[in-house]
PDB file of N, CA and C in Angstrom:
ATOM      1  N   MET A   1     -15.019  13.155   9.738  1.00  0.00           N
ATOM      2  CA  MET A   1     -14.053  12.354   9.015  1.00  0.00           C
ATOM      3  C   MET A   1     -13.576  11.227   9.921  1.00  0.00           C
ATOM      4  N   THR A   2     -13.406  10.059   9.351  1.00  0.00           N
ATOM      5  CA  THR A   2     -12.895   8.903  10.068  1.00  0.00           C
ATOM      6  C   THR A   2     -11.468   8.646   9.618  1.00  0.00           C
ATOM      7  N   TYR A   3     -10.619   8.250  10.537  1.00  0.00           N
ATOM      8  CA  TYR A   3      -9.231   7.988  10.219  1.00  0.00           C
ATOM      9  C   TYR A   3      -8.900   6.515  10.428  1.00  0.00           C
ATOM     10  N   PHE A   4      -7.883   6.050   9.726  1.00  0.00           N
ATOM     11  CA  PHE A   4      -7.376   4.703   9.965  1.00  0.00           C
ATOM     12  C   PHE A   4      -6.758   4.661  11.352  1.00  0.00           C
ATOM     13  N   ASP A   5      -7.035   3.613  12.104  1.00  0.00           N
ATOM     14  CA  ASP A   5      -6.442   3.418  13.427  1.00  0.00           C
ATOM     15  C   ASP A   5      -5.060   2.811  13.222  1.00  0.00           C
ATOM     16  N   LEU A   6      -4.021   3.621  13.351  1.00  0.00           N
ATOM     17  CA  LEU A   6      -2.664   3.157  13.068  1.00  0.00           C
ATOM     18  C   LEU A   6      -2.227   2.031  13.994  1.00  0.00           C
ATOM     19  N   ASP A   7      -2.801   1.977  15.209  1.00  0.00           N
ATOM     20  CA  ASP A   7      -2.473   0.885  16.122  1.00  0.00           C
ATOM     21  C   ASP A   7      -3.052  -0.440  15.650  1.00  0.00           C
ATOM     22  N   GLY A   8      -3.936  -0.404  14.661  1.00  0.00           N
ATOM     23  CA  GLY A   8      -4.541  -1.620  14.132  1.00  0.00           C
ATOM     24  C   GLY A   8      -3.729  -2.256  13.014  1.00  0.00           C
ATOM     25  N   PHE A   9      -2.517  -1.734  12.760  1.00  0.00           N
ATOM     26  CA  PHE A   9      -1.674  -2.237  11.679  1.00  0.00           C
ATOM     27  C   PHE A   9      -0.294  -2.608  12.186  1.00  0.00           C
ATOM     28  N   GLU A  10       0.329  -3.531  11.479  1.00  0.00           N
ATOM     29  CA  GLU A  10       1.733  -3.861  11.703  1.00  0.00           C
ATOM     30  C   GLU A  10       2.490  -3.502  10.421  1.00  0.00           C
ATOM     31  N   HIS A  11       3.644  -2.866  10.570  1.00  0.00           N
ATOM     32  CA  HIS A  11       4.475  -2.542   9.407  1.00  0.00           C
ATOM     33  C   HIS A  11       5.297  -3.775   9.035  1.00  0.00           C
ATOM     34  N   VAL A  12       5.282  -4.132   7.761  1.00  0.00           N
ATOM     35  CA  VAL A  12       6.034  -5.278   7.255  1.00  0.00           C
ATOM     36  C   VAL A  12       6.870  -4.809   6.073  1.00  0.00           C
ATOM     37  N   ALA A  13       8.152  -5.156   6.071  1.00  0.00           N
ATOM     38  CA  ALA A  13       9.036  -4.808   4.957  1.00  0.00           C
ATOM     39  C   ALA A  13       9.699  -6.081   4.449  1.00  0.00           C
ATOM     40  N   ARG A  14       9.761  -6.217   3.123  1.00  0.00           N
ATOM     41  CA  ARG A  14      10.390  -7.389   2.501  1.00  0.00           C
ATOM     42  C   ARG A  14      11.390  -6.918   1.457  1.00  0.00           C
ATOM     43  N   TYR A  15      12.565  -7.557   1.448  1.00  0.00           N
ATOM     44  CA  TYR A  15      13.581  -7.233   0.454  1.00  0.00           C
ATOM     45  C   TYR A  15      13.479  -8.219  -0.704  1.00  0.00           C
ATOM     46  N   ASP A  16      13.422  -7.703  -1.911  1.00  0.00           N
ATOM     47  CA  ASP A  16      13.391  -8.513  -3.126  1.00  0.00           C
ATOM     48  C   ASP A  16      14.732  -8.303  -3.827  1.00  0.00           C
ATOM     49  N   ALA A  17      15.651  -9.259  -3.660  1.00  0.00           N
ATOM     50  CA  ALA A  17      17.006  -9.114  -4.195  1.00  0.00           C
ATOM     51  C   ALA A  17      17.016  -9.015  -5.715  1.00  0.00           C
ATOM     52  N   LYS A  18      16.115  -9.701  -6.380  1.00  0.00           N
ATOM     53  CA  LYS A  18      16.073  -9.676  -7.846  1.00  0.00           C
ATOM     54  C   LYS A  18      15.798  -8.265  -8.367  1.00  0.00           C
ATOM     55  N   ARG A  19      14.886  -7.539  -7.702  1.00  0.00           N
ATOM     56  CA  ARG A  19      14.539  -6.168  -8.105  1.00  0.00           C
ATOM     57  C   ARG A  19      15.387  -5.127  -7.401  1.00  0.00           C
ATOM     58  N   GLY A  20      16.119  -5.542  -6.352  1.00  0.00           N
ATOM     59  CA  GLY A  20      16.876  -4.579  -5.559  1.00  0.00           C
ATOM     60  C   GLY A  20      15.959  -3.603  -4.856  1.00  0.00           C
ATOM     61  N   ALA A  21      14.837  -4.103  -4.347  1.00  0.00           N
ATOM     62  CA  ALA A  21      13.828  -3.219  -3.760  1.00  0.00           C
ATOM     63  C   ALA A  21      13.355  -3.729  -2.403  1.00  0.00           C
ATOM     64  N   VAL A  22      13.084  -2.777  -1.527  1.00  0.00           N
ATOM     65  CA  VAL A  22      12.412  -3.076  -0.266  1.00  0.00           C
ATOM     66  C   VAL A  22      10.963  -2.632  -0.441  1.00  0.00           C
ATOM     67  N   ASP A  23      10.031  -3.566  -0.290  1.00  0.00           N
ATOM     68  CA  ASP A  23       8.603  -3.269  -0.400  1.00  0.00           C
ATOM     69  C   ASP A  23       8.022  -3.205   1.003  1.00  0.00           C
ATOM     70  N   SER A  24       7.297  -2.137   1.294  1.00  0.00           N
ATOM     71  CA  SER A  24       6.716  -1.945   2.624  1.00  0.00           C
ATOM     72  C   SER A  24       5.199  -2.024   2.551  1.00  0.00           C
ATOM     73  N   PHE A  25       4.634  -2.622   3.582  1.00  0.00           N
ATOM     74  CA  PHE A  25       3.198  -2.828   3.672  1.00  0.00           C
ATOM     75  C   PHE A  25       2.727  -2.532   5.088  1.00  0.00           C
ATOM     76  N   LEU A  26       1.455  -2.181   5.208  1.00  0.00           N
ATOM     77  CA  LEU A  26       0.770  -2.167   6.495  1.00  0.00           C
ATOM     78  C   LEU A  26      -0.171  -3.360   6.469  1.00  0.00           C
ATOM     79  N   THR A  27      -0.104  -4.201   7.496  1.00  0.00           N
ATOM     80  CA  THR A  27      -0.937  -5.394   7.581  1.00  0.00           C
ATOM     81  C   THR A  27      -1.969  -5.190   8.684  1.00  0.00           C
ATOM     82  N   ALA A  28      -3.246  -5.333   8.327  1.00  0.00           N
ATOM     83  CA  ALA A  28      -4.327  -5.144   9.300  1.00  0.00           C
ATOM     84  C   ALA A  28      -4.258  -6.236  10.362  1.00  0.00           C
ATOM     85  N   GLN A  29      -4.278  -5.831  11.611  1.00  0.00           N
ATOM     86  CA  GLN A  29      -4.245  -6.781  12.729  1.00  0.00           C
ATOM     87  C   GLN A  29      -5.648  -7.178  13.177  1.00  0.00           C
ATOM     88  N   ARG A  30      -6.631  -6.499  12.620  1.00  0.00           N
ATOM     89  CA  ARG A  30      -8.037  -6.804  12.899  1.00  0.00           C
ATOM     90  C   ARG A  30      -8.863  -6.280  11.732  1.00  0.00           C
ATOM     91  N   GLY A  31     -10.074  -6.769  11.611  1.00  0.00           N
ATOM     92  CA  GLY A  31     -10.963  -6.251  10.584  1.00  0.00           C
ATOM     93  C   GLY A  31     -11.363  -4.827  10.912  1.00  0.00           C
ATOM     94  N   MET A  32     -11.522  -4.018   9.894  1.00  0.00           N
ATOM     95  CA  MET A  32     -11.924  -2.625  10.132  1.00  0.00           C
ATOM     96  C   MET A  32     -12.603  -2.050   8.890  1.00  0.00           C
ATOM     97  N   ARG A  33     -13.386  -1.033   9.134  1.00  0.00           N
ATOM     98  CA  ARG A  33     -14.055  -0.305   8.059  1.00  0.00           C
ATOM     99  C   ARG A  33     -13.814   1.176   8.307  1.00  0.00           C
ATOM    100  N   VAL A  34     -13.352   1.866   7.274  1.00  0.00           N
ATOM    101  CA  VAL A  34     -13.016   3.284   7.412  1.00  0.00           C
ATOM    102  C   VAL A  34     -13.690   4.060   6.296  1.00  0.00           C
ATOM    103  N   ALA A  35     -14.386   5.123   6.682  1.00  0.00           N
ATOM    104  CA  ALA A  35     -15.009   6.016   5.704  1.00  0.00           C
ATOM    105  C   ALA A  35     -14.048   7.142   5.402  1.00  0.00           C
ATOM    106  N   ILE A  36     -13.808   7.376   4.112  1.00  0.00           N
ATOM    107  CA  ILE A  36     -12.990   8.505   3.682  1.00  0.00           C
ATOM    108  C   ILE A  36     -13.966   9.498   3.054  1.00  0.00           C
ATOM    109  N   ASP A  37     -14.452  10.391   3.891  1.00  0.00           N
ATOM    110  CA  ASP A  37     -15.555  11.269   3.520  1.00  0.00           C
ATOM    111  C   ASP A  37     -15.255  12.164   2.322  1.00  0.00           C
ATOM    112  N   ASP A  38     -14.032  12.662   2.239  1.00  0.00           N
ATOM    113  CA  ASP A  38     -13.693  13.625   1.180  1.00  0.00           C
ATOM    114  C   ASP A  38     -13.864  13.065  -0.227  1.00  0.00           C
ATOM    115  N   ILE A  39     -13.765  11.756  -0.362  1.00  0.00           N
ATOM    116  CA  ILE A  39     -13.938  11.151  -1.691  1.00  0.00           C
ATOM    117  C   ILE A  39     -15.088  10.147  -1.703  1.00  0.00           C
ATOM    118  N   ASP A  40     -15.936  10.225  -0.680  1.00  0.00           N
ATOM    119  CA  ASP A  40     -17.121   9.383  -0.595  1.00  0.00           C
ATOM    120  C   ASP A  40     -16.779   7.904  -0.818  1.00  0.00           C
ATOM    121  N   LEU A  41     -15.812   7.421  -0.041  1.00  0.00           N
ATOM    122  CA  LEU A  41     -15.329   6.043  -0.180  1.00  0.00           C
ATOM    123  C   LEU A  41     -15.309   5.371   1.176  1.00  0.00           C
ATOM    124  N   GLU A  42     -15.718   4.127   1.204  1.00  0.00           N
ATOM    125  CA  GLU A  42     -15.615   3.328   2.418  1.00  0.00           C
ATOM    126  C   GLU A  42     -14.686   2.154   2.121  1.00  0.00           C
ATOM    127  N   VAL A  43     -13.675   1.999   2.976  1.00  0.00           N
ATOM    128  CA  VAL A  43     -12.686   0.942   2.802  1.00  0.00           C
ATOM    129  C   VAL A  43     -12.903  -0.098   3.884  1.00  0.00           C
ATOM    130  N   THR A  44     -12.995  -1.368   3.476  1.00  0.00           N
ATOM    131  CA  THR A  44     -13.130  -2.471   4.421  1.00  0.00           C
ATOM    132  C   THR A  44     -11.884  -3.341   4.310  1.00  0.00           C
ATOM    133  N   LEU A  45     -11.254  -3.601   5.444  1.00  0.00           N
ATOM    134  CA  LEU A  45     -10.066  -4.452   5.478  1.00  0.00           C
ATOM    135  C   LEU A  45     -10.342  -5.665   6.365  1.00  0.00           C
ATOM    136  N   ARG A  46      -9.898  -6.812   5.891  1.00  0.00           N
ATOM    137  CA  ARG A  46      -9.994  -8.038   6.687  1.00  0.00           C
ATOM    138  C   ARG A  46      -8.697  -8.230   7.474  1.00  0.00           C
ATOM    139  N   VAL A  47      -8.722  -9.059   8.492  1.00  0.00           N
ATOM    140  CA  VAL A  47      -7.521  -9.390   9.242  1.00  0.00           C
ATOM    141  C   VAL A  47      -6.468  -9.913   8.265  1.00  0.00           C
ATOM    142  N   ALA A  48      -5.251  -9.441   8.394  1.00  0.00           N
ATOM    143  CA  ALA A  48      -4.085  -9.839   7.594  1.00  0.00           C
ATOM    144  C   ALA A  48      -4.089  -9.249   6.183  1.00  0.00           C
ATOM    145  N   GLU A  49      -5.086  -8.445   5.829  1.00  0.00           N
ATOM    146  CA  GLU A  49      -5.071  -7.788   4.530  1.00  0.00           C
ATOM    147  C   GLU A  49      -4.024  -6.676   4.558  1.00  0.00           C
ATOM    148  N   THR A  50      -3.350  -6.464   3.427  1.00  0.00           N
ATOM    149  CA  THR A  50      -2.250  -5.507   3.399  1.00  0.00           C
ATOM    150  C   THR A  50      -2.566  -4.300   2.524  1.00  0.00           C
ATOM    151  N   ILE A  51      -1.892  -3.202   2.866  1.00  0.00           N
ATOM    152  CA  ILE A  51      -1.880  -1.998   2.058  1.00  0.00           C
ATOM    153  C   ILE A  51      -0.423  -1.770   1.669  1.00  0.00           C
ATOM    154  N   HIS A  52      -0.142  -1.722   0.377  1.00  0.00           N
ATOM    155  CA  HIS A  52       1.223  -1.472  -0.089  1.00  0.00           C
ATOM    156  C   HIS A  52       1.508   0.015   0.072  1.00  0.00           C
ATOM    157  N   THR A  53       2.529   0.361   0.853  1.00  0.00           N
ATOM    158  CA  THR A  53       2.804   1.763   1.132  1.00  0.00           C
ATOM    159  C   THR A  53       3.981   2.329   0.343  1.00  0.00           C
ATOM    160  N   GLU A  54       4.954   1.490  -0.009  1.00  0.00           N
ATOM    161  CA  GLU A  54       6.067   2.003  -0.805  1.00  0.00           C
ATOM    162  C   GLU A  54       6.961   0.888  -1.305  1.00  0.00           C
ATOM    163  N   SER A  55       7.723   1.211  -2.334  1.00  0.00           N
ATOM    164  CA  SER A  55       8.828   0.382  -2.794  1.00  0.00           C
ATOM    165  C   SER A  55      10.046   1.281  -2.834  1.00  0.00           C
ATOM    166  N   SER A  56      11.085   0.861  -2.143  1.00  0.00           N
ATOM    167  CA  SER A  56      12.319   1.633  -2.071  1.00  0.00           C
ATOM    168  C   SER A  56      13.405   0.834  -2.780  1.00  0.00           C
ATOM    169  N   TYR A  57      13.898   1.361  -3.880  1.00  0.00           N
ATOM    170  CA  TYR A  57      14.893   0.649  -4.674  1.00  0.00           C
ATOM    171  C   TYR A  57      16.292   0.967  -4.183  1.00  0.00           C
ATOM    172  N   LYS A  58      17.139  -0.045  -4.211  1.00  0.00           N
ATOM    173  CA  LYS A  58      18.502   0.083  -3.719  1.00  0.00           C
ATOM    174  C   LYS A  58      19.478   0.106  -4.890  1.00  0.00           C
ATOM    175  N   PHE A  59      20.425   1.040  -4.830  1.00  0.00           N
ATOM    176  CA  PHE A  59      21.425   1.203  -5.872  1.00  0.00           C
ATOM    177  C   PHE A  59      22.802   1.252  -5.231  1.00  0.00           C
ATOM    178  N   ASP A  60      23.806   0.726  -5.921  1.00  0.00           N
ATOM    179  CA  ASP A  60      25.165   0.879  -5.408  1.00  0.00           C
ATOM    180  C   ASP A  60      25.736   2.198  -5.933  1.00  0.00           C
ATOM    181  N   ASP A  61      26.952   2.538  -5.481  1.00  0.00           N
ATOM    182  CA  ASP A  61      27.547   3.831  -5.845  1.00  0.00           C
ATOM    183  C   ASP A  61      27.690   3.992  -7.355  1.00  0.00           C
ATOM    184  N   ASP A  62      28.090   2.924  -8.051  1.00  0.00           N
ATOM    185  CA  ASP A  62      28.246   3.002  -9.508  1.00  0.00           C
ATOM    186  C   ASP A  62      26.907   3.246 -10.201  1.00  0.00           C
ATOM    187  N   ASP A  63      25.854   2.563  -9.731  1.00  0.00           N
ATOM    188  CA  ASP A  63      24.517   2.774 -10.299  1.00  0.00           C
ATOM    189  C   ASP A  63      24.084   4.228 -10.156  1.00  0.00           C
ATOM    190  N   ILE A  64      24.311   4.782  -8.970  1.00  0.00           N
ATOM    191  CA  ILE A  64      23.905   6.167  -8.712  1.00  0.00           C
ATOM    192  C   ILE A  64      24.677   7.122  -9.620  1.00  0.00           C
ATOM    193  N   ALA A  65      25.982   6.911  -9.738  1.00  0.00           N
ATOM    194  CA  ALA A  65      26.793   7.785 -10.590  1.00  0.00           C
ATOM    195  C   ALA A  65      26.340   7.687 -12.044  1.00  0.00           C
ATOM    196  N   HIS A  66      26.050   6.488 -12.520  1.00  0.00           N
ATOM    197  CA  HIS A  66      25.593   6.300 -13.901  1.00  0.00           C
ATOM    198  C   HIS A  66      24.236   6.971 -14.134  1.00  0.00           C
ATOM    199  N   LEU A  67      23.287   6.744 -13.228  1.00  0.00           N
ATOM    200  CA  LEU A  67      21.968   7.364 -13.363  1.00  0.00           C
ATOM    201  C   LEU A  67      22.073   8.884 -13.311  1.00  0.00           C
ATOM    202  N   ALA A  68      22.927   9.385 -12.423  1.00  0.00           N
ATOM    203  CA  ALA A  68      23.109  10.836 -12.323  1.00  0.00           C
ATOM    204  C   ALA A  68      23.661  11.394 -13.632  1.00  0.00           C
ATOM    205  N   ALA A  69      24.715  10.771 -14.152  1.00  0.00           N
ATOM    206  CA  ALA A  69      25.340  11.254 -15.389  1.00  0.00           C
ATOM    207  C   ALA A  69      24.365  11.206 -16.558  1.00  0.00           C
ATOM    208  N   ALA A  70      23.572  10.153 -16.627  1.00  0.00           N
ATOM    209  CA  ALA A  70      22.598  10.012 -17.715  1.00  0.00           C
ATOM    210  C   ALA A  70      21.508  11.069 -17.628  1.00  0.00           C
ATOM    211  N   SER A  71      21.360  11.700 -16.464  1.00  0.00           N
ATOM    212  CA  SER A  71      20.328  12.716 -16.254  1.00  0.00           C
ATOM    213  C   SER A  71      20.887  14.130 -16.215  1.00  0.00           C
ATOM    214  N   GLY A  72      22.197  14.272 -16.487  1.00  0.00           N
ATOM    215  CA  GLY A  72      22.795  15.601 -16.481  1.00  0.00           C
ATOM    216  C   GLY A  72      23.275  16.056 -15.118  1.00  0.00           C
ATOM    217  N   PHE A  73      23.461  15.120 -14.206  1.00  0.00           N
ATOM    218  CA  PHE A  73      23.936  15.444 -12.860  1.00  0.00           C
ATOM    219  C   PHE A  73      25.254  14.733 -12.597  1.00  0.00           C
ATOM    220  N   ARG A  74      25.878  15.103 -11.485  1.00  0.00           N
ATOM    221  CA  ARG A  74      27.033  14.348 -10.994  1.00  0.00           C
ATOM    222  C   ARG A  74      26.901  14.236  -9.479  1.00  0.00           C
ATOM    223  N   VAL A  75      27.531  13.221  -8.943  1.00  0.00           N
ATOM    224  CA  VAL A  75      27.517  13.016  -7.493  1.00  0.00           C
ATOM    225  C   VAL A  75      28.470  14.024  -6.866  1.00  0.00           C
ATOM    226  N   SER A  76      27.945  14.835  -5.954  1.00  0.00           N
ATOM    227  CA  SER A  76      28.760  15.815  -5.246  1.00  0.00           C
ATOM    228  C   SER A  76      29.255  15.233  -3.924  1.00  0.00           C
ATOM    229  N   ARG A  77      28.360  14.537  -3.232  1.00  0.00           N
ATOM    230  CA  ARG A  77      28.705  13.975  -1.928  1.00  0.00           C
ATOM    231  C   ARG A  77      27.700  12.903  -1.562  1.00  0.00           C
ATOM    232  N   SER A  78      28.147  11.983  -0.723  1.00  0.00           N
ATOM    233  CA  SER A  78      27.262  10.917  -0.269  1.00  0.00           C
ATOM    234  C   SER A  78      27.502  10.660   1.210  1.00  0.00           C
ATOM    235  N   TRP A  79      26.434  10.461   1.951  1.00  0.00           N
ATOM    236  CA  TRP A  79      26.504  10.138   3.372  1.00  0.00           C
ATOM    237  C   TRP A  79      25.918   8.743   3.564  1.00  0.00           C
ATOM    238  N   THR A  80      26.594   7.906   4.347  1.00  0.00           N
ATOM    239  CA  THR A  80      26.120   6.535   4.567  1.00  0.00           C
ATOM    240  C   THR A  80      26.067   6.211   6.050  1.00  0.00           C
ATOM    241  N   ASP A  81      25.337   5.142   6.366  1.00  0.00           N
ATOM    242  CA  ASP A  81      25.381   4.613   7.725  1.00  0.00           C
ATOM    243  C   ASP A  81      26.708   3.870   7.891  1.00  0.00           C
ATOM    244  N   ASP A  82      27.039   3.477   9.110  1.00  0.00           N
ATOM    245  CA  ASP A  82      28.326   2.832   9.381  1.00  0.00           C
ATOM    246  C   ASP A  82      28.531   1.538   8.592  1.00  0.00           C
ATOM    247  N   ALA A  83      27.459   0.805   8.333  1.00  0.00           N
ATOM    248  CA  ALA A  83      27.561  -0.464   7.598  1.00  0.00           C
ATOM    249  C   ALA A  83      27.473  -0.257   6.085  1.00  0.00           C
ATOM    250  N   ARG A  84      27.313   0.978   5.645  1.00  0.00           N
ATOM    251  CA  ARG A  84      27.178   1.326   4.220  1.00  0.00           C
ATOM    252  C   ARG A  84      26.006   0.614   3.554  1.00  0.00           C
ATOM    253  N   ARG A  85      24.917   0.425   4.311  1.00  0.00           N
ATOM    254  CA  ARG A  85      23.707  -0.190   3.754  1.00  0.00           C
ATOM    255  C   ARG A  85      22.772   0.861   3.170  1.00  0.00           C
ATOM    256  N   PHE A  86      22.861   2.081   3.683  1.00  0.00           N
ATOM    257  CA  PHE A  86      21.954   3.151   3.259  1.00  0.00           C
ATOM    258  C   PHE A  86      22.781   4.405   2.986  1.00  0.00           C
ATOM    259  N   ALA A  87      22.304   5.184   2.023  1.00  0.00           N
ATOM    260  CA  ALA A  87      23.021   6.426   1.697  1.00  0.00           C
ATOM    261  C   ALA A  87      22.033   7.511   1.304  1.00  0.00           C
ATOM    262  N   VAL A  88      22.449   8.726   1.533  1.00  0.00           N
ATOM    263  CA  VAL A  88      21.784   9.902   0.998  1.00  0.00           C
ATOM    264  C   VAL A  88      22.831  10.549   0.108  1.00  0.00           C
ATOM    265  N   THR A  89      22.459  10.817  -1.134  1.00  0.00           N
ATOM    266  CA  THR A  89      23.426  11.305  -2.119  1.00  0.00           C
ATOM    267  C   THR A  89      22.991  12.666  -2.649  1.00  0.00           C
ATOM    268  N   LEU A  90      23.926  13.602  -2.620  1.00  0.00           N
ATOM    269  CA  LEU A  90      23.687  14.941  -3.156  1.00  0.00           C
ATOM    270  C   LEU A  90      24.137  14.970  -4.603  1.00  0.00           C
ATOM    271  N   LEU A  91      23.195  15.258  -5.506  1.00  0.00           N
ATOM    272  CA  LEU A  91      23.492  15.374  -6.928  1.00  0.00           C
ATOM    273  C   LEU A  91      23.453  16.838  -7.306  1.00  0.00           C
ATOM    274  N   VAL A  92      24.378  17.255  -8.166  1.00  0.00           N
ATOM    275  CA  VAL A  92      24.400  18.633  -8.650  1.00  0.00           C
ATOM    276  C   VAL A  92      24.367  18.608 -10.179  1.00  0.00           C
ATOM    277  N   ILE A  93      23.848  19.687 -10.746  1.00  0.00           N
ATOM    278  CA  ILE A  93      23.770  19.766 -12.217  1.00  0.00           C
ATOM    279  C   ILE A  93      25.193  19.854 -12.782  1.00  0.00           C
ATOM    280  N   GLU A  94      25.442  19.039 -13.761  1.00  0.00           N
ATOM    281  CA  GLU A  94      26.763  18.998 -14.394  1.00  0.00           C
ATOM    282  C   GLU A  94      26.962  20.217 -15.269  1.00  0.00           C
TER     283      GLU A  94
END
C-alpha cells in the first residue's frame, strides 16, 4: 500500500463570511502520484492542486439554541476559548 506523503502538503483554511464556514484544504507542494490499492485507484496531483478536507460551519449561541430546540434538544452547557471564537456545546434531550 502507498500512502500520501503528508509533508508534501500545506494546510490552507479560508473563512467564507457569507456561508459562515471555514473551508479547509490540503495543497500539494509538489507533483505526486499515489496508488490506493484497496480500491484499485491511482491519484495524480499537480503542484498547487488541492484536496478539500472539510467545511466547518460557525454558529452563534442563538443559532445553536434554535437548532437544538428544533431537534428536540436543549443547550446544557457551552465551553469557549477566551476570545469566544470557538465553542463546544453539550446538548441534552429535552
